[in-house]
Amino acid sequence: MQTLKQFIQDNNRWIALFGKADMTFPLTQADVDDLARTLDGKLSPENLHCDGEISRAEANRKYRFLATVYRELCEYCDMKGLKEPTVYEL
């Protein structure tokens, strides 16, 4: 769950810029769905490759990190009885 926690902390810093409340544990179904949408956005080819500004190796590293976040999110959902989200870009 460490990667999921890190992702949520990083996301909390970003959403704070827009005045949104931090996401905290325990996660709700709405939190899980929001995280899935965020993952989908980050996994889009333009965002994953930073519009071609990063190397293929760096894009692959980002992909593996985000895929781990998704796997840990699904594990969390299984443990807490929440519905696993769909991430279309995986």
PDB file of N, CA and C in Angstrom:
ATOM      1  N   MET A   1       0.809  -1.203   0.000  1.00  0.00           N
ATOM      2  CA  MET A   1       0.000   0.000   0.000  1.00  0.00           C
ATOM      3  C   MET A   1       0.853   1.267   0.000  1.00  0.00           C
ATOM      4  N   GLN A   2       2.157   1.103   0.101  1.00  0.00           N
ATOM      5  CA  GLN A   2       3.039   2.264   0.182  1.00  0.00           C
ATOM      6  C   GLN A   2       2.959   3.127  -1.073  1.00  0.00           C
ATOM      7  N   THR A   3       2.888   2.496  -2.235  1.00  0.00           N
ATOM      8  CA  THR A   3       2.826   3.250  -3.488  1.00  0.00           C
ATOM      9  C   THR A   3       1.500   3.997  -3.590  1.00  0.00           C
ATOM     10  N   LEU A   4       0.410   3.360  -3.202  1.00  0.00           N
ATOM     11  CA  LEU A   4      -0.892   4.013  -3.191  1.00  0.00           C
ATOM     12  C   LEU A   4      -0.884   5.212  -2.241  1.00  0.00           C
ATOM     13  N   LYS A   5      -0.322   5.050  -1.066  1.00  0.00           N
ATOM     14  CA  LYS A   5      -0.248   6.151  -0.108  1.00  0.00           C
ATOM     15  C   LYS A   5       0.578   7.312  -0.657  1.00  0.00           C
ATOM     16  N   GLN A   6       1.694   6.997  -1.305  1.00  0.00           N
ATOM     17  CA  GLN A   6       2.535   8.035  -1.898  1.00  0.00           C
ATOM     18  C   GLN A   6       1.778   8.783  -2.994  1.00  0.00           C
ATOM     19  N   PHE A   7       1.049   8.033  -3.832  1.00  0.00           N
ATOM     20  CA  PHE A   7       0.269   8.637  -4.912  1.00  0.00           C
ATOM     21  C   PHE A   7      -0.789   9.583  -4.342  1.00  0.00           C
ATOM     22  N   ILE A   8      -1.462   9.155  -3.285  1.00  0.00           N
ATOM     23  CA  ILE A   8      -2.502   9.991  -2.672  1.00  0.00           C
ATOM     24  C   ILE A   8      -1.880  11.242  -2.056  1.00  0.00           C
ATOM     25  N   GLN A   9      -0.733  11.116  -1.401  1.00  0.00           N
ATOM     26  CA  GLN A   9      -0.060  12.286  -0.834  1.00  0.00           C
ATOM     27  C   GLN A   9       0.328  13.277  -1.929  1.00  0.00           C
ATOM     28  N   ASP A  10       0.886  12.767  -3.023  1.00  0.00           N
ATOM     29  CA  ASP A  10       1.255  13.638  -4.149  1.00  0.00           C
ATOM     30  C   ASP A  10       0.014  14.303  -4.741  1.00  0.00           C
ATOM     31  N   ASN A  11      -1.055  13.534  -4.876  1.00  0.00           N
ATOM     32  CA  ASN A  11      -2.300  14.068  -5.426  1.00  0.00           C
ATOM     33  C   ASN A  11      -2.898  15.118  -4.486  1.00  0.00           C
ATOM     34  N   ASN A  12      -2.797  14.895  -3.183  1.00  0.00           N
ATOM     35  CA  ASN A  12      -3.307  15.871  -2.213  1.00  0.00           C
ATOM     36  C   ASN A  12      -2.593  17.217  -2.343  1.00  0.00           C
ATOM     37  N   ARG A  13      -1.290  17.190  -2.590  1.00  0.00           N
ATOM     38  CA  ARG A  13      -0.546  18.439  -2.772  1.00  0.00           C
ATOM     39  C   ARG A  13      -1.061  19.176  -4.011  1.00  0.00           C
ATOM     40  N   TRP A  14      -1.383  18.429  -5.055  1.00  0.00           N
ATOM     41  CA  TRP A  14      -1.869  19.036  -6.287  1.00  0.00           C
ATOM     42  C   TRP A  14      -3.274  19.616  -6.094  1.00  0.00           C
ATOM     43  N   ILE A  15      -4.176  18.854  -5.502  1.00  0.00           N
ATOM     44  CA  ILE A  15      -5.564  19.335  -5.376  1.00  0.00           C
ATOM     45  C   ILE A  15      -5.680  20.467  -4.356  1.00  0.00           C
ATOM     46  N   ALA A  16      -4.706  20.571  -3.451  1.00  0.00           N
ATOM     47  CA  ALA A  16      -4.719  21.674  -2.491  1.00  0.00           C
ATOM     48  C   ALA A  16      -4.609  23.017  -3.201  1.00  0.00           C
ATOM     49  N   LEU A  17      -3.946  23.029  -4.350  1.00  0.00           N
ATOM     50  CA  LEU A  17      -3.823  24.265  -5.125  1.00  0.00           C
ATOM     51  C   LEU A  17      -5.186  24.772  -5.588  1.00  0.00           C
ATOM     52  N   PHE A  18      -6.147  23.882  -5.686  1.00  0.00           N
ATOM     53  CA  PHE A  18      -7.480  24.238  -6.148  1.00  0.00           C
ATOM     54  C   PHE A  18      -8.492  24.317  -4.998  1.00  0.00           C
ATOM     55  N   GLY A  19      -7.977  24.277  -3.758  1.00  0.00           N
ATOM     56  CA  GLY A  19      -8.834  24.424  -2.595  1.00  0.00           C
ATOM     57  C   GLY A  19      -9.647  23.195  -2.244  1.00  0.00           C
ATOM     58  N   LYS A  20      -9.295  22.048  -2.807  1.00  0.00           N
ATOM     59  CA  LYS A  20     -10.017  20.816  -2.484  1.00  0.00           C
ATOM     60  C   LYS A  20      -9.456  20.196  -1.212  1.00  0.00           C
ATOM     61  N   ALA A  21     -10.315  19.484  -0.504  1.00  0.00           N
ATOM     62  CA  ALA A  21      -9.901  18.810   0.726  1.00  0.00           C
ATOM     63  C   ALA A  21      -9.021  17.606   0.413  1.00  0.00           C
ATOM     64  N   ASP A  22      -8.125  17.304   1.330  1.00  0.00           N
ATOM     65  CA  ASP A  22      -7.260  16.133   1.180  1.00  0.00           C
ATOM     66  C   ASP A  22      -8.073  14.847   1.174  1.00  0.00           C
ATOM     67  N   MET A  23      -7.586  13.884   0.418  1.00  0.00           N
ATOM     68  CA  MET A  23      -8.151  12.544   0.437  1.00  0.00           C
ATOM     69  C   MET A  23      -7.445  11.790   1.563  1.00  0.00           C
ATOM     70  N   THR A  24      -8.219  11.150   2.420  1.00  0.00           N
ATOM     71  CA  THR A  24      -7.634  10.440   3.559  1.00  0.00           C
ATOM     72  C   THR A  24      -8.206   9.027   3.643  1.00  0.00           C
ATOM     73  N   PHE A  25      -7.486   8.200   4.376  1.00  0.00           N
ATOM     74  CA  PHE A  25      -7.952   6.842   4.637  1.00  0.00           C
ATOM     75  C   PHE A  25      -8.881   6.864   5.836  1.00  0.00           C
ATOM     76  N   PRO A  26      -9.904   6.059   5.884  1.00  0.00           N
ATOM     77  CA  PRO A  26     -10.293   5.055   4.903  1.00  0.00           C
ATOM     78  C   PRO A  26     -10.931   5.707   3.673  1.00  0.00           C
ATOM     79  N   LEU A  27     -10.639   5.127   2.519  1.00  0.00           N
ATOM     80  CA  LEU A  27     -11.170   5.645   1.261  1.00  0.00           C
ATOM     81  C   LEU A  27     -12.630   5.236   1.101  1.00  0.00           C
ATOM     82  N   THR A  28     -13.397   6.110   0.508  1.00  0.00           N
ATOM     83  CA  THR A  28     -14.782   5.804   0.163  1.00  0.00           C
ATOM     84  C   THR A  28     -14.835   5.334  -1.291  1.00  0.00           C
ATOM     85  N   GLN A  29     -15.993   4.863  -1.718  1.00  0.00           N
ATOM     86  CA  GLN A  29     -16.140   4.475  -3.121  1.00  0.00           C
ATOM     87  C   GLN A  29     -15.929   5.684  -4.030  1.00  0.00           C
ATOM     88  N   ALA A  30     -16.388   6.842  -3.596  1.00  0.00           N
ATOM     89  CA  ALA A  30     -16.186   8.064  -4.385  1.00  0.00           C
ATOM     90  C   ALA A  30     -14.701   8.388  -4.505  1.00  0.00           C
ATOM     91  N   ASP A  31     -13.934   8.183  -3.431  1.00  0.00           N
ATOM     92  CA  ASP A  31     -12.479   8.390  -3.481  1.00  0.00           C
ATOM     93  C   ASP A  31     -11.841   7.434  -4.477  1.00  0.00           C
ATOM     94  N   VAL A  32     -12.248   6.179  -4.427  1.00  0.00           N
ATOM     95  CA  VAL A  32     -11.698   5.161  -5.323  1.00  0.00           C
ATOM     96  C   VAL A  32     -11.989   5.538  -6.773  1.00  0.00           C
ATOM     97  N   ASP A  33     -13.214   5.952  -7.040  1.00  0.00           N
ATOM     98  CA  ASP A  33     -13.586   6.335  -8.401  1.00  0.00           C
ATOM     99  C   ASP A  33     -12.809   7.564  -8.865  1.00  0.00           C
ATOM    100  N   ASP A  34     -12.600   8.515  -7.955  1.00  0.00           N
ATOM    101  CA  ASP A  34     -11.823   9.707  -8.291  1.00  0.00           C
ATOM    102  C   ASP A  34     -10.369   9.342  -8.590  1.00  0.00           C
ATOM    103  N   LEU A  35      -9.808   8.444  -7.789  1.00  0.00           N
ATOM    104  CA  LEU A  35      -8.436   7.994  -8.040  1.00  0.00           C
ATOM    105  C   LEU A  35      -8.323   7.300  -9.392  1.00  0.00           C
ATOM    106  N   ALA A  36      -9.335   6.522  -9.756  1.00  0.00           N
ATOM    107  CA  ALA A  36      -9.321   5.836 -11.057  1.00  0.00           C
ATOM    108  C   ALA A  36      -9.327   6.859 -12.196  1.00  0.00           C
ATOM    109  N   ARG A  37     -10.126   7.906 -12.072  1.00  0.00           N
ATOM    110  CA  ARG A  37     -10.149   8.950 -13.101  1.00  0.00           C
ATOM    111  C   ARG A  37      -8.799   9.656 -13.184  1.00  0.00           C
ATOM    112  N   THR A  38      -8.191   9.897 -12.031  1.00  0.00           N
ATOM    113  CA  THR A  38      -6.881  10.535 -12.003  1.00  0.00           C
ATOM    114  C   THR A  38      -5.840   9.638 -12.670  1.00  0.00           C
ATOM    115  N   LEU A  39      -5.882   8.353 -12.359  1.00  0.00           N
ATOM    116  CA  LEU A  39      -4.956   7.412 -12.993  1.00  0.00           C
ATOM    117  C   LEU A  39      -5.146   7.389 -14.501  1.00  0.00           C
ATOM    118  N   ASP A  40      -6.395   7.340 -14.953  1.00  0.00           N
ATOM    119  CA  ASP A  40      -6.665   7.356 -16.395  1.00  0.00           C
ATOM    120  C   ASP A  40      -6.049   8.589 -17.053  1.00  0.00           C
ATOM    121  N   GLY A  41      -6.206   9.727 -16.405  1.00  0.00           N
ATOM    122  CA  GLY A  41      -5.631  10.954 -16.958  1.00  0.00           C
ATOM    123  C   GLY A  41      -4.116  10.903 -17.027  1.00  0.00           C
ATOM    124  N   LYS A  42      -3.494  10.424 -15.969  1.00  0.00           N
ATOM    125  CA  LYS A  42      -2.037  10.349 -15.938  1.00  0.00           C
ATOM    126  C   LYS A  42      -1.491   9.302 -16.902  1.00  0.00           C
ATOM    127  N   LEU A  43      -2.311   8.303 -17.231  1.00  0.00           N
ATOM    128  CA  LEU A  43      -1.871   7.236 -18.134  1.00  0.00           C
ATOM    129  C   LEU A  43      -2.151   7.543 -19.610  1.00  0.00           C
ATOM    130  N   SER A  44      -2.824   8.651 -19.882  1.00  0.00           N
ATOM    131  CA  SER A  44      -3.049   8.981 -21.293  1.00  0.00           C
ATOM    132  C   SER A  44      -1.688   9.180 -21.956  1.00  0.00           C
ATOM    133  N   PRO A  45      -1.550   8.813 -23.213  1.00  0.00           N
ATOM    134  CA  PRO A  45      -0.240   8.896 -23.869  1.00  0.00           C
ATOM    135  C   PRO A  45       0.414  10.272 -23.775  1.00  0.00           C
ATOM    136  N   GLU A  46      -0.363  11.330 -23.916  1.00  0.00           N
ATOM    137  CA  GLU A  46       0.206  12.681 -23.848  1.00  0.00           C
ATOM    138  C   GLU A  46       0.793  12.968 -22.477  1.00  0.00           C
ATOM    139  N   ASN A  47       0.068  12.582 -21.438  1.00  0.00           N
ATOM    140  CA  ASN A  47       0.546  12.832 -20.081  1.00  0.00           C
ATOM    141  C   ASN A  47       1.651  11.867 -19.680  1.00  0.00           C
ATOM    142  N   LEU A  48       1.505  10.614 -20.053  1.00  0.00           N
ATOM    143  CA  LEU A  48       2.510   9.617 -19.675  1.00  0.00           C
ATOM    144  C   LEU A  48       3.872   9.970 -20.265  1.00  0.00           C
ATOM    145  N   HIS A  49       3.878  10.445 -21.484  1.00  0.00           N
ATOM    146  CA  HIS A  49       5.131  10.768 -22.172  1.00  0.00           C
ATOM    147  C   HIS A  49       5.485  12.246 -22.092  1.00  0.00           C
ATOM    148  N   CYS A  50       4.706  13.005 -21.306  1.00  0.00           N
ATOM    149  CA  CYS A  50       4.946  14.451 -21.149  1.00  0.00           C
ATOM    150  C   CYS A  50       5.110  15.121 -22.507  1.00  0.00           C
ATOM    151  N   ASP A  51       4.185  14.798 -23.412  1.00  0.00           N
ATOM    152  CA  ASP A  51       4.199  15.347 -24.777  1.00  0.00           C
ATOM    153  C   ASP A  51       5.547  15.144 -25.468  1.00  0.00           C
ATOM    154  N   GLY A  52       6.172  14.006 -25.203  1.00  0.00           N
ATOM    155  CA  GLY A  52       7.439  13.672 -25.856  1.00  0.00           C
ATOM    156  C   GLY A  52       8.660  14.287 -25.216  1.00  0.00           C
ATOM    157  N   GLU A  53       8.500  14.892 -24.055  1.00  0.00           N
ATOM    158  CA  GLU A  53       9.609  15.586 -23.393  1.00  0.00           C
ATOM    159  C   GLU A  53      10.474  14.678 -22.530  1.00  0.00           C
ATOM    160  N   ILE A  54      10.037  13.438 -22.288  1.00  0.00           N
ATOM    161  CA  ILE A  54      10.838  12.536 -21.459  1.00  0.00           C
ATOM    162  C   ILE A  54      11.231  11.311 -22.284  1.00  0.00           C
ATOM    163  N   SER A  55      12.209  10.598 -21.782  1.00  0.00           N
ATOM    164  CA  SER A  55      12.696   9.411 -22.481  1.00  0.00           C
ATOM    165  C   SER A  55      11.691   8.269 -22.361  1.00  0.00           C
ATOM    166  N   ARG A  56      11.851   7.293 -23.219  1.00  0.00           N
ATOM    167  CA  ARG A  56      11.007   6.099 -23.156  1.00  0.00           C
ATOM    168  C   ARG A  56      11.191   5.391 -21.818  1.00  0.00           C
ATOM    169  N   ALA A  57      12.424   5.359 -21.322  1.00  0.00           N
ATOM    170  CA  ALA A  57      12.699   4.702 -20.038  1.00  0.00           C
ATOM    171  C   ALA A  57      11.960   5.400 -18.900  1.00  0.00           C
ATOM    172  N   GLU A  58      11.938   6.734 -18.915  1.00  0.00           N
ATOM    173  CA  GLU A  58      11.234   7.473 -17.876  1.00  0.00           C
ATOM    174  C   GLU A  58       9.725   7.251 -17.988  1.00  0.00           C
ATOM    175  N   ALA A  59       9.202   7.219 -19.192  1.00  0.00           N
ATOM    176  CA  ALA A  59       7.774   6.947 -19.395  1.00  0.00           C
ATOM    177  C   ALA A  59       7.428   5.542 -18.895  1.00  0.00           C
ATOM    178  N   ASN A  60       8.303   4.586 -19.143  1.00  0.00           N
ATOM    179  CA  ASN A  60       8.076   3.223 -18.657  1.00  0.00           C
ATOM    180  C   ASN A  60       8.094   3.171 -17.132  1.00  0.00           C
ATOM    181  N   ARG A  61       8.980   3.934 -16.521  1.00  0.00           N
ATOM    182  CA  ARG A  61       9.041   3.998 -15.062  1.00  0.00           C
ATOM    183  C   ARG A  61       7.742   4.580 -14.510  1.00  0.00           C
ATOM    184  N   LYS A  62       7.248   5.653 -15.129  1.00  0.00           N
ATOM    185  CA  LYS A  62       5.985   6.249 -14.703  1.00  0.00           C
ATOM    186  C   LYS A  62       4.837   5.255 -14.859  1.00  0.00           C
ATOM    187  N   TYR A  63       4.837   4.513 -15.970  1.00  0.00           N
ATOM    188  CA  TYR A  63       3.786   3.530 -16.213  1.00  0.00           C
ATOM    189  C   TYR A  63       3.782   2.454 -15.133  1.00  0.00           C
ATOM    190  N   ARG A  64       4.971   1.942 -14.806  1.00  0.00           N
ATOM    191  CA  ARG A  64       5.066   0.901 -13.775  1.00  0.00           C
ATOM    192  C   ARG A  64       4.593   1.430 -12.423  1.00  0.00           C
ATOM    193  N   PHE A  65       4.953   2.660 -12.085  1.00  0.00           N
ATOM    194  CA  PHE A  65       4.500   3.268 -10.832  1.00  0.00           C
ATOM    195  C   PHE A  65       2.976   3.360 -10.808  1.00  0.00           C
ATOM    196  N   LEU A  66       2.381   3.874 -11.874  1.00  0.00           N
ATOM    197  CA  LEU A  66       0.931   4.042 -11.921  1.00  0.00           C
ATOM    198  C   LEU A  66       0.213   2.698 -11.954  1.00  0.00           C
ATOM    199  N   ALA A  67       0.786   1.709 -12.622  1.00  0.00           N
ATOM    200  CA  ALA A  67       0.195   0.369 -12.631  1.00  0.00           C
ATOM    201  C   ALA A  67       0.235  -0.236 -11.226  1.00  0.00           C
ATOM    202  N   THR A  68       1.301   0.032 -10.473  1.00  0.00           N
ATOM    203  CA  THR A  68       1.398  -0.443  -9.092  1.00  0.00           C
ATOM    204  C   THR A  68       0.348   0.247  -8.221  1.00  0.00           C
ATOM    205  N   VAL A  69       0.151   1.534  -8.436  1.00  0.00           N
ATOM    206  CA  VAL A  69      -0.891   2.261  -7.706  1.00  0.00           C
ATOM    207  C   VAL A  69      -2.243   1.598  -7.957  1.00  0.00           C
ATOM    208  N   TYR A  70      -2.527   1.285  -9.205  1.00  0.00           N
ATOM    209  CA  TYR A  70      -3.808   0.665  -9.537  1.00  0.00           C
ATOM    210  C   TYR A  70      -3.945  -0.705  -8.876  1.00  0.00           C
ATOM    211  N   ARG A  71      -2.892  -1.499  -8.931  1.00  0.00           N
ATOM    212  CA  ARG A  71      -2.937  -2.826  -8.309  1.00  0.00           C
ATOM    213  C   ARG A  71      -3.191  -2.714  -6.816  1.00  0.00           C
ATOM    214  N   GLU A  72      -2.492  -1.787  -6.148  1.00  0.00           N
ATOM    215  CA  GLU A  72      -2.687  -1.598  -4.715  1.00  0.00           C
ATOM    216  C   GLU A  72      -4.085  -1.048  -4.410  1.00  0.00           C
ATOM    217  N   LEU A  73      -4.613  -0.203  -5.289  1.00  0.00           N
ATOM    218  CA  LEU A  73      -5.964   0.310  -5.109  1.00  0.00           C
ATOM    219  C   LEU A  73      -6.978  -0.829  -5.200  1.00  0.00           C
ATOM    220  N   CYS A  74      -6.781  -1.732  -6.154  1.00  0.00           N
ATOM    221  CA  CYS A  74      -7.674  -2.891  -6.274  1.00  0.00           C
ATOM    222  C   CYS A  74      -7.574  -3.788  -5.045  1.00  0.00           C
ATOM    223  N   GLU A  75      -6.366  -3.996  -4.532  1.00  0.00           N
ATOM    224  CA  GLU A  75      -6.194  -4.783  -3.313  1.00  0.00           C
ATOM    225  C   GLU A  75      -6.922  -4.119  -2.147  1.00  0.00           C
ATOM    226  N   TYR A  76      -6.807  -2.807  -2.052  1.00  0.00           N
ATOM    227  CA  TYR A  76      -7.495  -2.069  -0.992  1.00  0.00           C
ATOM    228  C   TYR A  76      -9.006  -2.259  -1.115  1.00  0.00           C
ATOM    229  N   CYS A  77      -9.514  -2.153  -2.339  1.00  0.00           N
ATOM    230  CA  CYS A  77     -10.954  -2.335  -2.568  1.00  0.00           C
ATOM    231  C   CYS A  77     -11.397  -3.730  -2.132  1.00  0.00           C
ATOM    232  N   ASP A  78     -10.603  -4.737  -2.465  1.00  0.00           N
ATOM    233  CA  ASP A  78     -10.937  -6.107  -2.074  1.00  0.00           C
ATOM    234  C   ASP A  78     -10.978  -6.248  -0.552  1.00  0.00           C
ATOM    235  N   MET A  79     -10.016  -5.635   0.128  1.00  0.00           N
ATOM    236  CA  MET A  79      -9.960  -5.724   1.597  1.00  0.00           C
ATOM    237  C   MET A  79     -11.126  -4.998   2.262  1.00  0.00           C
ATOM    238  N   LYS A  80     -11.565  -3.896   1.652  1.00  0.00           N
ATOM    239  CA  LYS A  80     -12.580  -3.047   2.277  1.00  0.00           C
ATOM    240  C   LYS A  80     -13.984  -3.253   1.709  1.00  0.00           C
ATOM    241  N   GLY A  81     -14.139  -4.193   0.781  1.00  0.00           N
ATOM    242  CA  GLY A  81     -15.456  -4.469   0.225  1.00  0.00           C
ATOM    243  C   GLY A  81     -15.964  -3.390  -0.718  1.00  0.00           C
ATOM    244  N   LEU A  82     -15.048  -2.673  -1.360  1.00  0.00           N
ATOM    245  CA  LEU A  82     -15.420  -1.649  -2.328  1.00  0.00           C
ATOM    246  C   LEU A  82     -15.342  -2.209  -3.739  1.00  0.00           C
ATOM    247  N   LYS A  83     -16.036  -1.585  -4.654  1.00  0.00           N
ATOM    248  CA  LYS A  83     -16.025  -2.015  -6.048  1.00  0.00           C
ATOM    249  C   LYS A  83     -14.714  -1.566  -6.703  1.00  0.00           C
ATOM    250  N   GLU A  84     -14.039  -2.508  -7.342  1.00  0.00           N
ATOM    251  CA  GLU A  84     -12.799  -2.175  -8.036  1.00  0.00           C
ATOM    252  C   GLU A  84     -13.095  -1.236  -9.203  1.00  0.00           C
ATOM    253  N   PRO A  85     -12.292  -0.184  -9.342  1.00  0.00           N
ATOM    254  CA  PRO A  85     -12.540   0.758 -10.420  1.00  0.00           C
ATOM    255  C   PRO A  85     -12.001   0.240 -11.746  1.00  0.00           C
ATOM    256  N   THR A  86     -12.489   0.824 -12.817  1.00  0.00           N
ATOM    257  CA  THR A  86     -11.962   0.529 -14.134  1.00  0.00           C
ATOM    258  C   THR A  86     -11.019   1.654 -14.540  1.00  0.00           C
ATOM    259  N   VAL A  87      -9.817   1.287 -14.951  1.00  0.00           N
ATOM    260  CA  VAL A  87      -8.872   2.252 -15.500  1.00  0.00           C
ATOM    261  C   VAL A  87      -8.640   1.821 -16.931  1.00  0.00           C
ATOM    262  N   TYR A  88      -9.120   2.610 -17.854  1.00  0.00           N
ATOM    263  CA  TYR A  88      -9.150   2.227 -19.257  1.00  0.00           C
ATOM    264  C   TYR A  88      -7.773   2.233 -19.908  1.00  0.00           C
ATOM    265  N   GLU A  89      -6.854   3.006 -19.400  1.00  0.00           N
ATOM    266  CA  GLU A  89      -5.539   3.134 -20.037  1.00  0.00           C
ATOM    267  C   GLU A  89      -4.568   2.014 -19.646  1.00  0.00           C
ATOM    268  N   LEU A  90      -4.999   1.097 -18.770  1.00  0.00           N
ATOM    269  CA  LEU A  90      -4.120  -0.028 -18.393  1.00  0.00           C
ATOM    270  C   LEU A  90      -4.446  -1.249 -19.217  1.00  0.00           C
TER     271      LEU A  90
END
